[in-house]
C-alpha atoms as a PDB file:
ATOM      1  CA  MET A   1     -10.921  13.875  21.669  1.00  0.00           C
ATOM      2  CA  ILE A   2     -10.260  12.740  18.099  1.00  0.00           C
ATOM      3  CA  ARG A   3      -8.098  15.138  16.087  1.00  0.00           C
ATOM      4  CA  LEU A   4      -7.129  12.845  13.215  1.00  0.00           C
ATOM      5  CA  VAL A   5      -8.871  10.006  11.373  1.00  0.00           C
ATOM      6  CA  ALA A   6      -6.760   7.535   9.397  1.00  0.00           C
ATOM      7  CA  THR A   7      -8.617   5.167   7.104  1.00  0.00           C
ATOM      8  CA  ASP A   8      -7.768   2.325   4.772  1.00  0.00           C
ATOM      9  CA  LEU A   9      -9.429   2.288   1.346  1.00  0.00           C
ATOM     10  CA  ASP A  10     -10.248  -1.143  -0.099  1.00  0.00           C
ATOM     11  CA  GLY A  11     -12.700  -3.038   2.059  1.00  0.00           C
ATOM     12  CA  THR A  12     -12.965  -0.124   4.500  1.00  0.00           C
ATOM     13  CA  LEU A  13     -13.820   3.260   2.969  1.00  0.00           C
ATOM     14  CA  LEU A  14     -14.550   1.967  -0.547  1.00  0.00           C
ATOM     15  CA  ASP A  15     -17.527  -0.127  -1.571  1.00  0.00           C
ATOM     16  CA  PRO A  16     -17.088  -3.278  -3.726  1.00  0.00           C
ATOM     17  CA  GLN A  17     -17.209  -1.112  -6.872  1.00  0.00           C
ATOM     18  CA  GLY A  18     -14.315   1.014  -5.632  1.00  0.00           C
ATOM     19  CA  HIS A  19     -16.338   4.109  -4.689  1.00  0.00           C
ATOM     20  CA  ILE A  20     -16.792   6.196  -1.556  1.00  0.00           C
ATOM     21  CA  SER A  21     -20.452   6.389  -0.627  1.00  0.00           C
ATOM     22  CA  PRO A  22     -22.015   9.883  -0.497  1.00  0.00           C
ATOM     23  CA  ARG A  23     -22.747   9.351   3.190  1.00  0.00           C
ATOM     24  CA  ASP A  24     -19.145   8.460   4.061  1.00  0.00           C
ATOM     25  CA  ALA A  25     -17.799  11.327   1.964  1.00  0.00           C
ATOM     26  CA  ALA A  26     -20.144  13.774   3.701  1.00  0.00           C
ATOM     27  CA  THR A  27     -19.101  12.464   7.118  1.00  0.00           C
ATOM     28  CA  LEU A  28     -15.402  12.963   6.398  1.00  0.00           C
ATOM     29  CA  LEU A  29     -16.008  16.399   4.902  1.00  0.00           C
ATOM     30  CA  ASP A  30     -17.977  17.389   8.004  1.00  0.00           C
ATOM     31  CA  ALA A  31     -15.161  16.105  10.204  1.00  0.00           C
ATOM     32  CA  ALA A  32     -12.609  18.126   8.236  1.00  0.00           C
ATOM     33  CA  ARG A  33     -14.718  21.271   8.560  1.00  0.00           C
ATOM     34  CA  ALA A  34     -14.806  20.643  12.320  1.00  0.00           C
ATOM     35  CA  GLY A  35     -11.006  20.614  12.392  1.00  0.00           C
ATOM     36  CA  VAL A  36     -10.343  16.862  12.279  1.00  0.00           C
ATOM     37  CA  ARG A  37      -7.484  15.936   9.959  1.00  0.00           C
ATOM     38  CA  VAL A  38      -8.222  13.150   7.472  1.00  0.00           C
ATOM     39  CA  VAL A  39      -5.398  10.833   6.381  1.00  0.00           C
ATOM     40  CA  VAL A  40      -5.885   7.941   3.975  1.00  0.00           C
ATOM     41  CA  ALA A  41      -3.552   4.964   4.452  1.00  0.00           C
ATOM     42  CA  THR A  42      -3.588   2.402   1.653  1.00  0.00           C
ATOM     43  CA  GLY A  43      -1.591  -0.317   0.012  1.00  0.00           C
ATOM     44  CA  ARG A  44      -2.460   1.228  -3.360  1.00  0.00           C
ATOM     45  CA  PRO A  45       0.073   3.201  -5.388  1.00  0.00           C
ATOM     46  CA  TRP A  46      -0.655   6.879  -5.897  1.00  0.00           C
ATOM     47  CA  ARG A  47      -1.762   6.359  -9.496  1.00  0.00           C
ATOM     48  CA  TRP A  48      -4.843   4.525  -8.125  1.00  0.00           C
ATOM     49  CA  LEU A  49      -6.267   7.457  -6.158  1.00  0.00           C
ATOM     50  CA  ASP A  50      -8.976   8.642  -8.551  1.00  0.00           C
ATOM     51  CA  CYS A  51     -11.449   7.165  -6.090  1.00  0.00           C
ATOM     52  CA  LEU A  52     -10.655  10.005  -3.663  1.00  0.00           C
ATOM     53  CA  ALA A  53     -12.246  12.685  -5.859  1.00  0.00           C
ATOM     54  CA  PRO A  54     -15.195  13.053  -3.411  1.00  0.00           C
ATOM     55  CA  LEU A  55     -12.688  14.101  -0.734  1.00  0.00           C
ATOM     56  CA  ALA A  56     -10.954  16.740  -2.832  1.00  0.00           C
ATOM     57  CA  GLY A  57     -12.191  19.434  -0.460  1.00  0.00           C
ATOM     58  CA  VAL A  58     -10.426  17.730   2.442  1.00  0.00           C
ATOM     59  CA  ALA A  59      -7.085  17.701   0.564  1.00  0.00           C
ATOM     60  CA  PRO A  60      -5.886  14.712   2.579  1.00  0.00           C
ATOM     61  CA  LEU A  61      -2.409  13.394   2.831  1.00  0.00           C
ATOM     62  CA  VAL A  62      -2.383   9.840   1.513  1.00  0.00           C
ATOM     63  CA  ILE A  63      -0.067   7.179   2.882  1.00  0.00           C
ATOM     64  CA  VAL A  64       0.445   4.893  -0.120  1.00  0.00           C
ATOM     65  CA  SER A  65       2.126   1.560  -0.833  1.00  0.00           C
ATOM     66  CA  ASN A  66       1.775   0.401   2.785  1.00  0.00           C
ATOM     67  CA  GLY A  67       3.677   3.369   4.193  1.00  0.00           C
ATOM     68  CA  ALA A  68       6.514   3.559   1.683  1.00  0.00           C
ATOM     69  CA  ALA A  69       5.442   7.019   0.505  1.00  0.00           C
ATOM     70  CA  VAL A  70       3.248   9.955   1.459  1.00  0.00           C
ATOM     71  CA  TYR A  71       1.360  11.672  -1.326  1.00  0.00           C
ATOM     72  CA  ASP A  72      -0.120  15.170  -1.284  1.00  0.00           C
ATOM     73  CA  LEU A  73      -3.467  14.710  -3.030  1.00  0.00           C
ATOM     74  CA  ALA A  74      -4.082  18.429  -3.492  1.00  0.00           C
ATOM     75  CA  GLY A  75      -0.627  19.130  -4.892  1.00  0.00           C
ATOM     76  CA  GLN A  76      -0.483  15.845  -6.832  1.00  0.00           C
ATOM     77  CA  ARG A  77       3.046  15.123  -5.651  1.00  0.00           C
ATOM     78  CA  CYS A  78       4.975  12.654  -3.541  1.00  0.00           C
ATOM     79  CA  VAL A  79       6.285  14.422  -0.449  1.00  0.00           C
ATOM     80  CA  ARG A  80       8.217  11.554   1.137  1.00  0.00           C
ATOM     81  CA  ARG A  81       9.286   8.024   0.255  1.00  0.00           C
ATOM     82  CA  GLN A  82      11.234   5.156   1.799  1.00  0.00           C
ATOM     83  CA  ALA A  83      12.340   2.959  -1.054  1.00  0.00           C
ATOM     84  CA  LEU A  84      13.737  -0.543  -1.227  1.00  0.00           C
ATOM     85  CA  SER A  85      17.200  -0.752  -2.726  1.00  0.00           C
ATOM     86  CA  THR A  86      17.407  -2.655  -5.995  1.00  0.00           C
ATOM     87  CA  ARG A  87      20.246  -4.701  -4.496  1.00  0.00           C
ATOM     88  CA  LEU A  88      17.988  -5.839  -1.675  1.00  0.00           C
ATOM     89  CA  CYS A  89      15.157  -6.609  -4.117  1.00  0.00           C
ATOM     90  CA  ASP A  90      17.513  -8.775  -6.141  1.00  0.00           C
ATOM     91  CA  ASP A  91      18.862 -10.565  -3.062  1.00  0.00           C
ATOM     92  CA  LEU A  92      15.357 -11.236  -1.738  1.00  0.00           C
ATOM     93  CA  ALA A  93      14.162 -12.518  -5.107  1.00  0.00           C
ATOM     94  CA  THR A  94      17.135 -14.877  -5.332  1.00  0.00           C
ATOM     95  CA  ASP A  95      16.517 -16.186  -1.808  1.00  0.00           C
ATOM     96  CA  VAL A  96      12.758 -16.609  -2.319  1.00  0.00           C
ATOM     97  CA  ARG A  97      13.273 -18.419  -5.639  1.00  0.00           C
ATOM     98  CA  ALA A  98      15.556 -20.885  -3.859  1.00  0.00           C
ATOM     99  CA  VAL A  99      12.585 -21.892  -1.689  1.00  0.00           C
ATOM    100  CA  LEU A 100       9.744 -21.204  -4.144  1.00  0.00           C
ATOM    101  CA  PRO A 101      10.961 -21.705  -7.723  1.00  0.00           C
ATOM    102  CA  GLU A 102       7.472 -20.909  -9.042  1.00  0.00           C
ATOM    103  CA  ALA A 103       7.449 -17.406  -7.536  1.00  0.00           C
ATOM    104  CA  VAL A 104       6.979 -14.433  -9.876  1.00  0.00           C
ATOM    105  CA  PHE A 105       8.005 -10.906  -8.919  1.00  0.00           C
ATOM    106  CA  GLY A 106       6.806  -7.351  -9.452  1.00  0.00           C
ATOM    107  CA  LEU A 107       8.100  -3.907  -8.512  1.00  0.00           C
ATOM    108  CA  GLU A 108       5.882  -0.946  -7.618  1.00  0.00           C
ATOM    109  CA  GLN A 109       7.187   2.550  -8.319  1.00  0.00           C
ATOM    110  CA  GLY A 110       4.055   4.665  -7.869  1.00  0.00           C
ATOM    111  CA  ASP A 111       3.541   5.828 -11.434  1.00  0.00           C
ATOM    112  CA  VAL A 112       4.528   2.481 -12.973  1.00  0.00           C
ATOM    113  CA  PHE A 113       4.276  -1.190 -12.031  1.00  0.00           C
ATOM    114  CA  GLY A 114       6.871  -3.583 -13.421  1.00  0.00           C
ATOM    115  CA  CYS A 115       6.479  -7.348 -13.439  1.00  0.00           C
ATOM    116  CA  GLU A 116       8.082 -10.453 -14.876  1.00  0.00           C
ATOM    117  CA  PRO A 117       6.459 -11.913 -18.006  1.00  0.00           C
ATOM    118  CA  GLY A 118       4.962 -14.778 -15.995  1.00  0.00           C
ATOM    119  CA  TRP A 119       2.951 -12.451 -13.760  1.00  0.00           C
ATOM    120  CA  ARG A 120      -0.704 -13.406 -13.871  1.00  0.00           C
ATOM    121  CA  SER A 121      -2.862 -10.380 -14.578  1.00  0.00           C
ATOM    122  CA  THR A 122      -5.154  -9.478 -11.720  1.00  0.00           C
ATOM    123  CA  PRO A 123      -8.326  -7.387 -11.990  1.00  0.00           C
ATOM    124  CA  PRO A 124      -7.416  -3.708 -11.971  1.00  0.00           C
ATOM    125  CA  ASP A 125      -8.707  -1.242  -9.437  1.00  0.00           C
ATOM    126  CA  ALA A 126     -12.457  -0.951  -9.992  1.00  0.00           C
ATOM    127  CA  SER A 127     -12.222   2.743 -10.863  1.00  0.00           C
ATOM    128  CA  ARG A 128      -9.835   2.107 -13.765  1.00  0.00           C
ATOM    129  CA  THR A 129     -10.157   0.438 -17.134  1.00  0.00           C
ATOM    130  CA  ALA A 130      -7.992  -2.493 -18.177  1.00  0.00           C
ATOM    131  CA  GLU A 131      -6.490  -0.283 -20.889  1.00  0.00           C
ATOM    132  CA  GLN A 132      -5.415   2.337 -18.358  1.00  0.00           C
ATOM    133  CA  GLU A 133      -3.822  -0.234 -16.082  1.00  0.00           C
ATOM    134  CA  SER A 134      -2.026  -1.902 -18.993  1.00  0.00           C
ATOM    135  CA  ALA A 135      -0.488   1.455 -19.899  1.00  0.00           C
ATOM    136  CA  ASP A 136       0.962   1.682 -16.377  1.00  0.00           C
ATOM    137  CA  THR A 137       2.551  -1.777 -16.505  1.00  0.00           C
ATOM    138  CA  VAL A 138       5.975  -2.820 -17.783  1.00  0.00           C
ATOM    139  CA  ARG A 139       6.513  -6.531 -18.390  1.00  0.00           C
ATOM    140  CA  ALA A 140      10.169  -7.474 -18.656  1.00  0.00           C
ATOM    141  CA  PRO A 141      12.803  -9.913 -17.391  1.00  0.00           C
ATOM    142  CA  TRP A 142      13.859  -9.398 -13.785  1.00  0.00           C
ATOM    143  CA  SER A 143      17.224  -7.794 -14.588  1.00  0.00           C
ATOM    144  CA  ARG A 144      15.562  -5.164 -16.764  1.00  0.00           C
ATOM    145  CA  LEU A 145      12.925  -4.417 -14.146  1.00  0.00           C
ATOM    146  CA  LEU A 146      15.635  -3.776 -11.575  1.00  0.00           C
ATOM    147  CA  ALA A 147      17.316  -1.361 -13.970  1.00  0.00           C
ATOM    148  CA  ASP A 148      14.200   0.443 -15.242  1.00  0.00           C
ATOM    149  CA  VAL A 149      11.603   0.509 -12.437  1.00  0.00           C
ATOM    150  CA  GLY A 150      12.584   2.691  -9.523  1.00  0.00           C
ATOM    151  CA  PRO A 151      12.702   3.923  -6.896  1.00  0.00           C
ATOM    152  CA  VAL A 152      10.973   0.785  -5.643  1.00  0.00           C
ATOM    153  CA  LEU A 153       8.248   1.442  -3.092  1.00  0.00           C
ATOM    154  CA  LYS A 154       7.383  -2.219  -2.641  1.00  0.00           C
ATOM    155  CA  MET A 155       8.201  -5.580  -4.149  1.00  0.00           C
ATOM    156  CA  LEU A 156       5.386  -8.034  -4.808  1.00  0.00           C
ATOM    157  CA  VAL A 157       5.650 -11.801  -4.789  1.00  0.00           C
ATOM    158  CA  LEU A 158       3.093 -13.997  -6.546  1.00  0.00           C
ATOM    159  CA  ALA A 159       2.991 -17.761  -6.100  1.00  0.00           C
ATOM    160  CA  PRO A 160       0.249 -19.447  -8.123  1.00  0.00           C
ATOM    161  CA  GLY A 161      -1.577 -22.172  -6.253  1.00  0.00           C
ATOM    162  CA  SER A 162      -0.461 -21.071  -2.798  1.00  0.00           C
ATOM    163  CA  ARG A 163      -2.529 -19.662   0.052  1.00  0.00           C
ATOM    164  CA  VAL A 164      -1.658 -16.115   0.924  1.00  0.00           C
ATOM    165  CA  GLU A 165      -1.004 -16.813   4.613  1.00  0.00           C
ATOM    166  CA  ASN A 166       1.442 -19.606   3.721  1.00  0.00           C
ATOM    167  CA  LEU A 167       3.273 -17.462   1.199  1.00  0.00           C
ATOM    168  CA  ALA A 168       3.493 -14.562   3.654  1.00  0.00           C
ATOM    169  CA  ALA A 169       5.014 -16.811   6.303  1.00  0.00           C
ATOM    170  CA  THR A 170       7.567 -18.233   3.859  1.00  0.00           C
ATOM    171  CA  VAL A 171       8.645 -14.872   2.456  1.00  0.00           C
ATOM    172  CA  ALA A 172       8.811 -13.342   5.955  1.00  0.00           C
ATOM    173  CA  GLU A 173      11.094 -16.164   7.100  1.00  0.00           C
ATOM    174  CA  VAL A 174      13.354 -15.660   4.077  1.00  0.00           C
ATOM    175  CA  ALA A 175      13.429 -11.879   4.472  1.00  0.00           C
ATOM    176  CA  GLY A 176      14.106 -11.882   8.195  1.00  0.00           C
ATOM    177  CA  GLU A 177      14.932  -8.384   9.450  1.00  0.00           C
ATOM    178  CA  ARG A 178      15.847  -7.151   5.979  1.00  0.00           C
ATOM    179  CA  ALA A 179      12.280  -6.175   5.042  1.00  0.00           C
ATOM    180  CA  VAL A 180       8.632  -6.055   6.144  1.00  0.00           C
ATOM    181  CA  VAL A 181       6.262  -8.613   4.610  1.00  0.00           C
ATOM    182  CA  THR A 182       2.489  -8.185   4.616  1.00  0.00           C
ATOM    183  CA  HIS A 183      -0.573  -8.721   2.447  1.00  0.00           C
ATOM    184  CA  SER A 184      -4.000  -7.270   1.764  1.00  0.00           C
ATOM    185  CA  ALA A 185      -5.898 -10.415   0.791  1.00  0.00           C
ATOM    186  CA  ALA A 186      -8.295 -12.474   2.853  1.00  0.00           C
ATOM    187  CA  VAL A 187      -7.024 -15.721   4.372  1.00  0.00           C
ATOM    188  CA  GLY A 188      -7.034 -18.529   1.843  1.00  0.00           C
ATOM    189  CA  HIS A 189      -7.187 -16.260  -1.191  1.00  0.00           C
ATOM    190  CA  ALA A 190      -4.758 -16.219  -4.116  1.00  0.00           C
ATOM    191  CA  ALA A 191      -1.229 -15.753  -2.893  1.00  0.00           C
ATOM    192  CA  MET A 192       0.368 -12.360  -3.411  1.00  0.00           C
ATOM    193  CA  VAL A 193       2.415 -10.688  -0.713  1.00  0.00           C
ATOM    194  CA  GLU A 194       3.939  -7.239  -0.475  1.00  0.00           C
ATOM    195  CA  VAL A 195       7.476  -6.470   0.680  1.00  0.00           C
ATOM    196  CA  SER A 196       8.567  -3.064   2.022  1.00  0.00           C
ATOM    197  CA  ALA A 197      11.808  -1.672   3.386  1.00  0.00           C
ATOM    198  CA  ALA A 198      12.672  -2.623   6.964  1.00  0.00           C
ATOM    199  CA  GLY A 199      10.534  -0.698   9.439  1.00  0.00           C
ATOM    200  CA  VAL A 200       8.116   0.599   6.805  1.00  0.00           C
ATOM    201  CA  THR A 201       4.436   0.082   7.598  1.00  0.00           C
ATOM    202  CA  LYS A 202       1.273   2.147   7.540  1.00  0.00           C
ATOM    203  CA  ALA A 203       1.845   2.652  11.273  1.00  0.00           C
ATOM    204  CA  SER A 204       5.362   4.042  10.861  1.00  0.00           C
ATOM    205  CA  ALA A 205       4.219   6.473   8.174  1.00  0.00           C
ATOM    206  CA  LEU A 206       1.175   7.541  10.192  1.00  0.00           C
ATOM    207  CA  ALA A 207       3.350   8.119  13.271  1.00  0.00           C
ATOM    208  CA  GLN A 208       5.598  10.430  11.266  1.00  0.00           C
ATOM    209  CA  VAL A 209       2.650  12.324   9.764  1.00  0.00           C
ATOM    210  CA  CYS A 210       1.105  12.765  13.212  1.00  0.00           C
ATOM    211  CA  ALA A 211       4.394  13.981  14.683  1.00  0.00           C
ATOM    212  CA  GLU A 212       4.660  16.600  11.938  1.00  0.00           C
ATOM    213  CA  LEU A 213       1.060  17.716  12.565  1.00  0.00           C
ATOM    214  CA  GLY A 214       1.477  17.741  16.330  1.00  0.00           C
ATOM    215  CA  VAL A 215      -1.243  15.132  16.882  1.00  0.00           C
ATOM    216  CA  PRO A 216      -0.586  12.544  19.634  1.00  0.00           C
ATOM    217  CA  ARG A 217      -1.467   8.941  18.932  1.00  0.00           C
ATOM    218  CA  SER A 218      -4.069   9.030  21.707  1.00  0.00           C
ATOM    219  CA  GLU A 219      -6.097  11.448  19.556  1.00  0.00           C
ATOM    220  CA  VAL A 220      -6.016   9.300  16.409  1.00  0.00           C
ATOM    221  CA  ALA A 221      -8.799   6.975  15.248  1.00  0.00           C
ATOM    222  CA  ALA A 222      -7.774   4.387  12.656  1.00  0.00           C
ATOM    223  CA  PHE A 223      -9.864   2.075  10.480  1.00  0.00           C
ATOM    224  CA  GLY A 224      -8.829  -0.950   8.386  1.00  0.00           C
ATOM    225  CA  ASP A 225      -9.647  -4.552   7.649  1.00  0.00           C
ATOM    226  CA  MET A 226      -6.572  -6.477   6.467  1.00  0.00           C
ATOM    227  CA  PRO A 227      -3.165  -7.634   7.777  1.00  0.00           C
ATOM    228  CA  ASN A 228      -1.435  -4.593   6.265  1.00  0.00           C
ATOM    229  CA  ASP A 229      -3.612  -2.444   8.564  1.00  0.00           C
ATOM    230  CA  ALA A 230      -2.826  -4.336  11.773  1.00  0.00           C
ATOM    231  CA  ASP A 231       0.171  -2.241  12.886  1.00  0.00           C
ATOM    232  CA  MET A 232      -1.727   1.000  12.245  1.00  0.00           C
ATOM    233  CA  LEU A 233      -4.757  -0.189  14.207  1.00  0.00           C
ATOM    234  CA  ALA A 234      -2.528  -1.238  17.104  1.00  0.00           C
ATOM    235  CA  TRP A 235      -0.655   2.084  17.079  1.00  0.00           C
ATOM    236  CA  ALA A 236      -3.610   4.484  17.080  1.00  0.00           C
ATOM    237  CA  GLY A 237      -5.713   5.409  20.090  1.00  0.00           C
ATOM    238  CA  PRO A 238      -5.216   5.936  23.831  1.00  0.00           C
ATOM    239  CA  ARG A 239      -2.940   3.732  25.896  1.00  0.00           C
END
């Protein structure tokens, strides 16, 4: 029996325009009315959750920033977070730069994204305008970002000209057990990887949510399509 459905957003629940189809929304609403809990698990920050308006009636908990925080969509508030220390962010950046001098760094806080001046702008979430996303972004030297953007839910590393799988392997080797390194881009695409606190994944956050709700993992169905979903997909379901 399935008592909880956990779903990724981009590439899974959302269409290429960043919307939930009426059919998928109706299916999840029907499931909720039947007593199935709906949990969204995404790499997005909570400021990018306008796309969940069709599920307002479900009032789902949203695991954001790859498990670094849990956001109450109905109450519009963060209910739990596991942040990276600024000291660790600085140490990791120093160590990565020693191997990849071209690397550029960003810090995700949830309400605000901070990045170094050399960060190459990427297309914003499809449900937002470029003006809105620009208002949420602080561009500043690394030392100022560390001082002004926090608590840090995840650190992002951009390396122009690299393949994402190569960058992920390099950053993971540098980070070791100090942090979790993942990405949400297809193999071979532009290289940007995401760094979370040690032990923080969508799976770890989902396990905690399920424990609080009294739902065993054997009664959880999970859906996703990218490397940052892999741990969650492996965790959910019967053993």
